[in-house]
Amino acid sequence: MRAGSLVIWDQKCAHGSRPNSSHNFRAAQFMKMFPNKISPSRAIKRADVLHRILLKENFLPQITPTGVTVFGLKDSKQFNQTL
């Protein structure tokens, strides 16, 4: 592959790589994608736990509207009370 290229495959597809025999740096970033299909009660629990972690680490003030959506914080009762 050329530098800057991206390969996307299903984890069920056989795959592998060869050792890097060059002097060039090589890196990989693994991402997991899955459908957003969880029960409403699980979404609330997950959002509440994430809210507590963000609050403890003093990261909550930095969350943007996009972050609220990505992290599912709109489902957190505690998050909505801090607005």
PDB file of N, CA and C in Angstrom:
ATOM      1  N   MET A   1       0.832  -1.191   0.000  1.00  0.00           N
ATOM      2  CA  MET A   1       0.000   0.000   0.000  1.00  0.00           C
ATOM      3  C   MET A   1       0.868   1.243   0.000  1.00  0.00           C
ATOM      4  N   ARG A   2       0.312   2.305  -0.523  1.00  0.00           N
ATOM      5  CA  ARG A   2       1.009   3.582  -0.496  1.00  0.00           C
ATOM      6  C   ARG A   2       0.836   4.248   0.868  1.00  0.00           C
ATOM      7  N   ALA A   3       1.765   5.106   1.229  1.00  0.00           N
ATOM      8  CA  ALA A   3       1.674   5.854   2.485  1.00  0.00           C
ATOM      9  C   ALA A   3       0.365   6.629   2.516  1.00  0.00           C
ATOM     10  N   GLY A   4      -0.280   6.623   3.660  1.00  0.00           N
ATOM     11  CA  GLY A   4      -1.534   7.348   3.822  1.00  0.00           C
ATOM     12  C   GLY A   4      -2.763   6.580   3.388  1.00  0.00           C
ATOM     13  N   SER A   5      -2.580   5.360   2.893  1.00  0.00           N
ATOM     14  CA  SER A   5      -3.718   4.557   2.454  1.00  0.00           C
ATOM     15  C   SER A   5      -4.446   3.966   3.653  1.00  0.00           C
ATOM     16  N   LEU A   6      -5.688   3.586   3.440  1.00  0.00           N
ATOM     17  CA  LEU A   6      -6.524   2.999   4.473  1.00  0.00           C
ATOM     18  C   LEU A   6      -7.146   1.733   3.942  1.00  0.00           C
ATOM     19  N   VAL A   7      -7.067   0.666   4.721  1.00  0.00           N
ATOM     20  CA  VAL A   7      -7.703  -0.596   4.372  1.00  0.00           C
ATOM     21  C   VAL A   7      -8.795  -0.847   5.398  1.00  0.00           C
ATOM     22  N   ILE A   8      -9.974  -1.188   4.927  1.00  0.00           N
ATOM     23  CA  ILE A   8     -11.082  -1.544   5.813  1.00  0.00           C
ATOM     24  C   ILE A   8     -11.505  -2.961   5.455  1.00  0.00           C
ATOM     25  N   TRP A   9     -11.570  -3.827   6.488  1.00  0.00           N
ATOM     26  CA  TRP A   9     -12.036  -5.174   6.258  1.00  0.00           C
ATOM     27  C   TRP A   9     -12.830  -5.667   7.451  1.00  0.00           C
ATOM     28  N   ASP A  10     -13.629  -6.671   7.200  1.00  0.00           N
ATOM     29  CA  ASP A  10     -14.403  -7.324   8.237  1.00  0.00           C
ATOM     30  C   ASP A  10     -13.452  -8.235   9.011  1.00  0.00           C
ATOM     31  N   GLN A  11     -13.597  -8.299  10.338  1.00  0.00           N
ATOM     32  CA  GLN A  11     -12.684  -9.098  11.143  1.00  0.00           C
ATOM     33  C   GLN A  11     -12.792 -10.589  10.839  1.00  0.00           C
ATOM     34  N   LYS A  12     -13.864 -11.002  10.164  1.00  0.00           N
ATOM     35  CA  LYS A  12     -14.018 -12.407   9.793  1.00  0.00           C
ATOM     36  C   LYS A  12     -13.185 -12.757   8.564  1.00  0.00           C
ATOM     37  N   CYS A  13     -12.647 -11.761   7.897  1.00  0.00           N
ATOM     38  CA  CYS A  13     -11.825 -11.969   6.708  1.00  0.00           C
ATOM     39  C   CYS A  13     -10.390 -12.281   7.140  1.00  0.00           C
ATOM     40  N   ALA A  14      -9.821 -13.345   6.584  1.00  0.00           N
ATOM     41  CA  ALA A  14      -8.428 -13.674   6.919  1.00  0.00           C
ATOM     42  C   ALA A  14      -7.530 -12.515   6.500  1.00  0.00           C
ATOM     43  N   HIS A  15      -6.598 -12.146   7.372  1.00  0.00           N
ATOM     44  CA  HIS A  15      -5.721 -11.025   7.072  1.00  0.00           C
ATOM     45  C   HIS A  15      -4.416 -11.197   7.847  1.00  0.00           C
ATOM     46  N   GLY A  16      -3.445 -10.436   7.481  1.00  0.00           N
ATOM     47  CA  GLY A  16      -2.146 -10.484   8.149  1.00  0.00           C
ATOM     48  C   GLY A  16      -1.219  -9.469   7.540  1.00  0.00           C
ATOM     49  N   SER A  17      -0.027  -9.420   8.041  1.00  0.00           N
ATOM     50  CA  SER A  17       0.964  -8.495   7.487  1.00  0.00           C
ATOM     51  C   SER A  17       2.321  -9.176   7.516  1.00  0.00           C
ATOM     52  N   ARG A  18       3.219  -8.593   6.824  1.00  0.00           N
ATOM     53  CA  ARG A  18       4.585  -9.114   6.778  1.00  0.00           C
ATOM     54  C   ARG A  18       5.471  -8.234   7.641  1.00  0.00           C
ATOM     55  N   PRO A  19       6.556  -8.754   8.137  1.00  0.00           N
ATOM     56  CA  PRO A  19       7.474  -7.929   8.929  1.00  0.00           C
ATOM     57  C   PRO A  19       7.962  -6.722   8.129  1.00  0.00           C
ATOM     58  N   ASN A  20       8.168  -5.619   8.807  1.00  0.00           N
ATOM     59  CA  ASN A  20       8.667  -4.411   8.162  1.00  0.00           C
ATOM     60  C   ASN A  20      10.182  -4.541   8.020  1.00  0.00           C
ATOM     61  N   SER A  21      10.625  -4.859   6.821  1.00  0.00           N
ATOM     62  CA  SER A  21      12.060  -5.038   6.584  1.00  0.00           C
ATOM     63  C   SER A  21      12.725  -3.754   6.087  1.00  0.00           C
ATOM     64  N   SER A  22      11.952  -2.683   5.977  1.00  0.00           N
ATOM     65  CA  SER A  22      12.521  -1.412   5.531  1.00  0.00           C
ATOM     66  C   SER A  22      12.955  -0.588   6.743  1.00  0.00           C
ATOM     67  N   HIS A  23      13.558   0.557   6.475  1.00  0.00           N
ATOM     68  CA  HIS A  23      13.945   1.494   7.533  1.00  0.00           C
ATOM     69  C   HIS A  23      12.849   2.531   7.773  1.00  0.00           C
ATOM     70  N   ASN A  24      11.736   2.405   7.080  1.00  0.00           N
ATOM     71  CA  ASN A  24      10.623   3.341   7.217  1.00  0.00           C
ATOM     72  C   ASN A  24       9.704   2.920   8.366  1.00  0.00           C
ATOM     73  N   PHE A  25       9.211   3.915   9.090  1.00  0.00           N
ATOM     74  CA  PHE A  25       8.286   3.682  10.188  1.00  0.00           C
ATOM     75  C   PHE A  25       6.955   3.207   9.642  1.00  0.00           C
ATOM     76  N   ARG A  26       6.333   2.273  10.324  1.00  0.00           N
ATOM     77  CA  ARG A  26       5.019   1.789   9.919  1.00  0.00           C
ATOM     78  C   ARG A  26       4.136   1.724  11.163  1.00  0.00           C
ATOM     79  N   ALA A  27       2.913   2.181  11.035  1.00  0.00           N
ATOM     80  CA  ALA A  27       1.988   2.182  12.170  1.00  0.00           C
ATOM     81  C   ALA A  27       0.618   1.707  11.706  1.00  0.00           C
ATOM     82  N   ALA A  28      -0.156   1.244  12.675  1.00  0.00           N
ATOM     83  CA  ALA A  28      -1.522   0.819  12.384  1.00  0.00           C
ATOM     84  C   ALA A  28      -2.436   1.380  13.454  1.00  0.00           C
ATOM     85  N   GLN A  29      -3.638   1.725  13.066  1.00  0.00           N
ATOM     86  CA  GLN A  29      -4.648   2.186  14.008  1.00  0.00           C
ATOM     87  C   GLN A  29      -5.858   1.279  13.832  1.00  0.00           C
ATOM     88  N   PHE A  30      -6.217   0.580  14.894  1.00  0.00           N
ATOM     89  CA  PHE A  30      -7.349  -0.319  14.830  1.00  0.00           C
ATOM     90  C   PHE A  30      -8.592   0.397  15.335  1.00  0.00           C
ATOM     91  N   MET A  31      -9.689   0.242  14.624  1.00  0.00           N
ATOM     92  CA  MET A  31     -10.956   0.855  14.995  1.00  0.00           C
ATOM     93  C   MET A  31     -12.023  -0.226  14.995  1.00  0.00           C
ATOM     94  N   LYS A  32     -12.971  -0.080  15.874  1.00  0.00           N
ATOM     95  CA  LYS A  32     -14.090  -1.019  15.916  1.00  0.00           C
ATOM     96  C   LYS A  32     -15.368  -0.246  15.633  1.00  0.00           C
ATOM     97  N   MET A  33     -16.134  -0.752  14.715  1.00  0.00           N
ATOM     98  CA  MET A  33     -17.405  -0.123  14.375  1.00  0.00           C
ATOM     99  C   MET A  33     -18.496  -1.150  14.604  1.00  0.00           C
ATOM    100  N   PHE A  34     -19.608  -0.707  15.135  1.00  0.00           N
ATOM    101  CA  PHE A  34     -20.724  -1.593  15.371  1.00  0.00           C
ATOM    102  C   PHE A  34     -22.006  -0.788  15.352  1.00  0.00           C
ATOM    103  N   PRO A  35     -23.123  -1.448  15.059  1.00  0.00           N
ATOM    104  CA  PRO A  35     -24.393  -0.725  15.034  1.00  0.00           C
ATOM    105  C   PRO A  35     -24.747  -0.224  16.433  1.00  0.00           C
ATOM    106  N   ASN A  36     -25.400   0.902  16.491  1.00  0.00           N
ATOM    107  CA  ASN A  36     -25.818   1.466  17.768  1.00  0.00           C
ATOM    108  C   ASN A  36     -27.167   0.851  18.138  1.00  0.00           C
ATOM    109  N   LYS A  37     -27.114  -0.390  18.588  1.00  0.00           N
ATOM    110  CA  LYS A  37     -28.336  -1.113  18.932  1.00  0.00           C
ATOM    111  C   LYS A  37     -28.221  -1.622  20.360  1.00  0.00           C
ATOM    112  N   ILE A  38     -28.443  -0.736  21.320  1.00  0.00           N
ATOM    113  CA  ILE A  38     -28.469  -1.162  22.710  1.00  0.00           C
ATOM    114  C   ILE A  38     -29.800  -0.733  23.308  1.00  0.00           C
ATOM    115  N   SER A  39     -30.170  -1.395  24.372  1.00  0.00           N
ATOM    116  CA  SER A  39     -31.466  -1.082  24.989  1.00  0.00           C
ATOM    117  C   SER A  39     -31.405   0.314  25.613  1.00  0.00           C
ATOM    118  N   PRO A  40     -32.531   0.972  25.729  1.00  0.00           N
ATOM    119  CA  PRO A  40     -32.558   2.301  26.352  1.00  0.00           C
ATOM    120  C   PRO A  40     -32.001   2.285  27.783  1.00  0.00           C
ATOM    121  N   SER A  41     -32.290   1.224  28.553  1.00  0.00           N
ATOM    122  CA  SER A  41     -31.781   1.185  29.930  1.00  0.00           C
ATOM    123  C   SER A  41     -30.262   1.051  29.954  1.00  0.00           C
ATOM    124  N   ARG A  42     -29.697   0.280  29.024  1.00  0.00           N
ATOM    125  CA  ARG A  42     -28.236   0.155  28.953  1.00  0.00           C
ATOM    126  C   ARG A  42     -27.607   1.473  28.504  1.00  0.00           C
ATOM    127  N   ALA A  43     -28.243   2.169  27.576  1.00  0.00           N
ATOM    128  CA  ALA A  43     -27.725   3.461  27.110  1.00  0.00           C
ATOM    129  C   ALA A  43     -27.671   4.459  28.264  1.00  0.00           C
ATOM    130  N   ILE A  44     -28.688   4.461  29.112  1.00  0.00           N
ATOM    131  CA  ILE A  44     -28.710   5.371  30.263  1.00  0.00           C
ATOM    132  C   ILE A  44     -27.603   5.016  31.244  1.00  0.00           C
ATOM    133  N   LYS A  45     -27.448   3.730  31.543  1.00  0.00           N
ATOM    134  CA  LYS A  45     -26.394   3.304  32.472  1.00  0.00           C
ATOM    135  C   LYS A  45     -25.016   3.666  31.937  1.00  0.00           C
ATOM    136  N   ARG A  46     -24.790   3.421  30.644  1.00  0.00           N
ATOM    137  CA  ARG A  46     -23.483   3.727  30.041  1.00  0.00           C
ATOM    138  C   ARG A  46     -23.218   5.229  30.066  1.00  0.00           C
ATOM    139  N   ALA A  47     -24.223   6.023  29.744  1.00  0.00           N
ATOM    140  CA  ALA A  47     -24.069   7.480  29.750  1.00  0.00           C
ATOM    141  C   ALA A  47     -23.805   8.000  31.167  1.00  0.00           C
ATOM    142  N   ASP A  48     -24.474   7.424  32.162  1.00  0.00           N
ATOM    143  CA  ASP A  48     -24.260   7.852  33.549  1.00  0.00           C
ATOM    144  C   ASP A  48     -22.844   7.524  34.029  1.00  0.00           C
ATOM    145  N   VAL A  49     -22.337   6.345  33.681  1.00  0.00           N
ATOM    146  CA  VAL A  49     -20.968   5.979  34.058  1.00  0.00           C
ATOM    147  C   VAL A  49     -19.968   6.911  33.382  1.00  0.00           C
ATOM    148  N   LEU A  50     -20.169   7.167  32.101  1.00  0.00           N
ATOM    149  CA  LEU A  50     -19.267   8.063  31.382  1.00  0.00           C
ATOM    150  C   LEU A  50     -19.322   9.471  31.970  1.00  0.00           C
ATOM    151  N   HIS A  51     -20.488   9.923  32.326  1.00  0.00           N
ATOM    152  CA  HIS A  51     -20.625  11.245  32.940  1.00  0.00           C
ATOM    153  C   HIS A  51     -19.805  11.320  34.227  1.00  0.00           C
ATOM    154  N   ARG A  52     -19.900  10.288  35.072  1.00  0.00           N
ATOM    155  CA  ARG A  52     -19.132  10.281  36.332  1.00  0.00           C
ATOM    156  C   ARG A  52     -17.636  10.323  36.065  1.00  0.00           C
ATOM    157  N   ILE A  53     -17.168   9.573  35.072  1.00  0.00           N
ATOM    158  CA  ILE A  53     -15.737   9.556  34.739  1.00  0.00           C
ATOM    159  C   ILE A  53     -15.301  10.930  34.244  1.00  0.00           C
ATOM    160  N   LEU A  54     -16.064  11.519  33.334  1.00  0.00           N
ATOM    161  CA  LEU A  54     -15.711  12.838  32.787  1.00  0.00           C
ATOM    162  C   LEU A  54     -15.720  13.910  33.878  1.00  0.00           C
ATOM    163  N   LEU A  55     -16.661  13.813  34.800  1.00  0.00           N
ATOM    164  CA  LEU A  55     -16.747  14.754  35.903  1.00  0.00           C
ATOM    165  C   LEU A  55     -15.545  14.603  36.833  1.00  0.00           C
ATOM    166  N   LYS A  56     -15.209  13.377  37.181  1.00  0.00           N
ATOM    167  CA  LYS A  56     -14.066  13.096  38.067  1.00  0.00           C
ATOM    168  C   LYS A  56     -12.756  13.604  37.468  1.00  0.00           C
ATOM    169  N   GLU A  57     -12.585  13.432  36.178  1.00  0.00           N
ATOM    170  CA  GLU A  57     -11.346  13.832  35.502  1.00  0.00           C
ATOM    171  C   GLU A  57     -11.360  15.296  35.067  1.00  0.00           C
ATOM    172  N   ASN A  58     -12.407  16.026  35.447  1.00  0.00           N
ATOM    173  CA  ASN A  58     -12.555  17.444  35.117  1.00  0.00           C
ATOM    174  C   ASN A  58     -12.516  17.688  33.609  1.00  0.00           C
ATOM    175  N   PHE A  59     -13.104  16.776  32.872  1.00  0.00           N
ATOM    176  CA  PHE A  59     -13.127  16.887  31.412  1.00  0.00           C
ATOM    177  C   PHE A  59     -14.490  17.337  30.909  1.00  0.00           C
ATOM    178  N   LEU A  60     -15.474  17.323  31.783  1.00  0.00           N
ATOM    179  CA  LEU A  60     -16.836  17.647  31.381  1.00  0.00           C
ATOM    180  C   LEU A  60     -16.981  19.030  30.744  1.00  0.00           C
ATOM    181  N   PRO A  61     -16.300  20.077  31.266  1.00  0.00           N
ATOM    182  CA  PRO A  61     -16.461  21.398  30.644  1.00  0.00           C
ATOM    183  C   PRO A  61     -15.966  21.471  29.195  1.00  0.00           C
ATOM    184  N   GLN A  62     -15.159  20.503  28.792  1.00  0.00           N
ATOM    185  CA  GLN A  62     -14.598  20.532  27.437  1.00  0.00           C
ATOM    186  C   GLN A  62     -15.453  19.784  26.412  1.00  0.00           C
ATOM    187  N   ILE A  63     -16.510  19.129  26.866  1.00  0.00           N
ATOM    188  CA  ILE A  63     -17.343  18.351  25.948  1.00  0.00           C
ATOM    189  C   ILE A  63     -18.171  19.288  25.078  1.00  0.00           C
ATOM    190  N   THR A  64     -18.031  19.121  23.773  1.00  0.00           N
ATOM    191  CA  THR A  64     -18.763  19.930  22.800  1.00  0.00           C
ATOM    192  C   THR A  64     -20.131  19.288  22.522  1.00  0.00           C
ATOM    193  N   PRO A  65     -21.018  19.999  21.841  1.00  0.00           N
ATOM    194  CA  PRO A  65     -22.293  19.373  21.447  1.00  0.00           C
ATOM    195  C   PRO A  65     -22.082  18.079  20.635  1.00  0.00           C
ATOM    196  N   THR A  66     -21.060  18.067  19.809  1.00  0.00           N
ATOM    197  CA  THR A  66     -20.753  16.841  19.063  1.00  0.00           C
ATOM    198  C   THR A  66     -20.340  15.728  20.014  1.00  0.00           C
ATOM    199  N   GLY A  67     -19.535  16.064  21.023  1.00  0.00           N
ATOM    200  CA  GLY A  67     -19.123  15.076  22.021  1.00  0.00           C
ATOM    201  C   GLY A  67     -20.304  14.521  22.791  1.00  0.00           C
ATOM    202  N   VAL A  68     -21.263  15.376  23.095  1.00  0.00           N
ATOM    203  CA  VAL A  68     -22.475  14.925  23.794  1.00  0.00           C
ATOM    204  C   VAL A  68     -23.177  13.848  22.966  1.00  0.00           C
ATOM    205  N   THR A  69     -23.243  14.063  21.665  1.00  0.00           N
ATOM    206  CA  THR A  69     -23.877  13.090  20.781  1.00  0.00           C
ATOM    207  C   THR A  69     -23.041  11.823  20.667  1.00  0.00           C
ATOM    208  N   VAL A  70     -21.747  11.974  20.412  1.00  0.00           N
ATOM    209  CA  VAL A  70     -20.866  10.820  20.224  1.00  0.00           C
ATOM    210  C   VAL A  70     -20.827   9.947  21.476  1.00  0.00           C
ATOM    211  N   PHE A  71     -20.727  10.565  22.647  1.00  0.00           N
ATOM    212  CA  PHE A  71     -20.639   9.816  23.901  1.00  0.00           C
ATOM    213  C   PHE A  71     -22.004   9.399  24.434  1.00  0.00           C
ATOM    214  N   GLY A  72     -23.086   9.823  23.801  1.00  0.00           N
ATOM    215  CA  GLY A  72     -24.419   9.449  24.245  1.00  0.00           C
ATOM    216  C   GLY A  72     -24.831  10.097  25.550  1.00  0.00           C
ATOM    217  N   LEU A  73     -24.228  11.235  25.878  1.00  0.00           N
ATOM    218  CA  LEU A  73     -24.499  11.879  27.164  1.00  0.00           C
ATOM    219  C   LEU A  73     -25.917  12.421  27.280  1.00  0.00           C
ATOM    220  N   LYS A  74     -26.584  12.606  26.170  1.00  0.00           N
ATOM    221  CA  LYS A  74     -27.965  13.102  26.232  1.00  0.00           C
ATOM    222  C   LYS A  74     -28.867  12.111  26.963  1.00  0.00           C
ATOM    223  N   ASP A  75     -28.415  10.840  27.080  1.00  0.00           N
ATOM    224  CA  ASP A  75     -29.175   9.817  27.793  1.00  0.00           C
ATOM    225  C   ASP A  75     -28.891   9.813  29.293  1.00  0.00           C
ATOM    226  N   SER A  76     -27.903  10.590  29.737  1.00  0.00           N
ATOM    227  CA  SER A  76     -27.524  10.604  31.151  1.00  0.00           C
ATOM    228  C   SER A  76     -28.388  11.573  31.947  1.00  0.00           C
ATOM    229  N   LYS A  77     -29.034  11.066  32.985  1.00  0.00           N
ATOM    230  CA  LYS A  77     -29.839  11.932  33.845  1.00  0.00           C
ATOM    231  C   LYS A  77     -28.942  12.936  34.564  1.00  0.00           C
ATOM    232  N   GLN A  78     -27.774  12.468  35.044  1.00  0.00           N
ATOM    233  CA  GLN A  78     -26.860  13.362  35.756  1.00  0.00           C
ATOM    234  C   GLN A  78     -26.330  14.462  34.844  1.00  0.00           C
ATOM    235  N   PHE A  79     -26.003  14.110  33.596  1.00  0.00           N
ATOM    236  CA  PHE A  79     -25.477  15.099  32.664  1.00  0.00           C
ATOM    237  C   PHE A  79     -26.512  16.186  32.404  1.00  0.00           C
ATOM    238  N   ASN A  80     -27.742  15.787  32.181  1.00  0.00           N
ATOM    239  CA  ASN A  80     -28.806  16.747  31.886  1.00  0.00           C
ATOM    240  C   ASN A  80     -29.082  17.655  33.093  1.00  0.00           C
ATOM    241  N   GLN A  81     -28.818  17.194  34.298  1.00  0.00           N
ATOM    242  CA  GLN A  81     -29.013  18.016  35.484  1.00  0.00           C
ATOM    243  C   GLN A  81     -27.902  19.048  35.650  1.00  0.00           C
ATOM    244  N   THR A  82     -26.716  18.777  35.042  1.00  0.00           N
ATOM    245  CA  THR A  82     -25.596  19.720  35.171  1.00  0.00           C
ATOM    246  C   THR A  82     -25.640  20.817  34.125  1.00  0.00           C
ATOM    247  N   LEU A  83     -26.542  20.710  33.186  1.00  0.00           N
ATOM    248  CA  LEU A  83     -26.623  21.744  32.122  1.00  0.00           C
ATOM    249  C   LEU A  83     -27.209  23.037  32.644  1.00  0.00           C
TER     250      LEU A  83
END
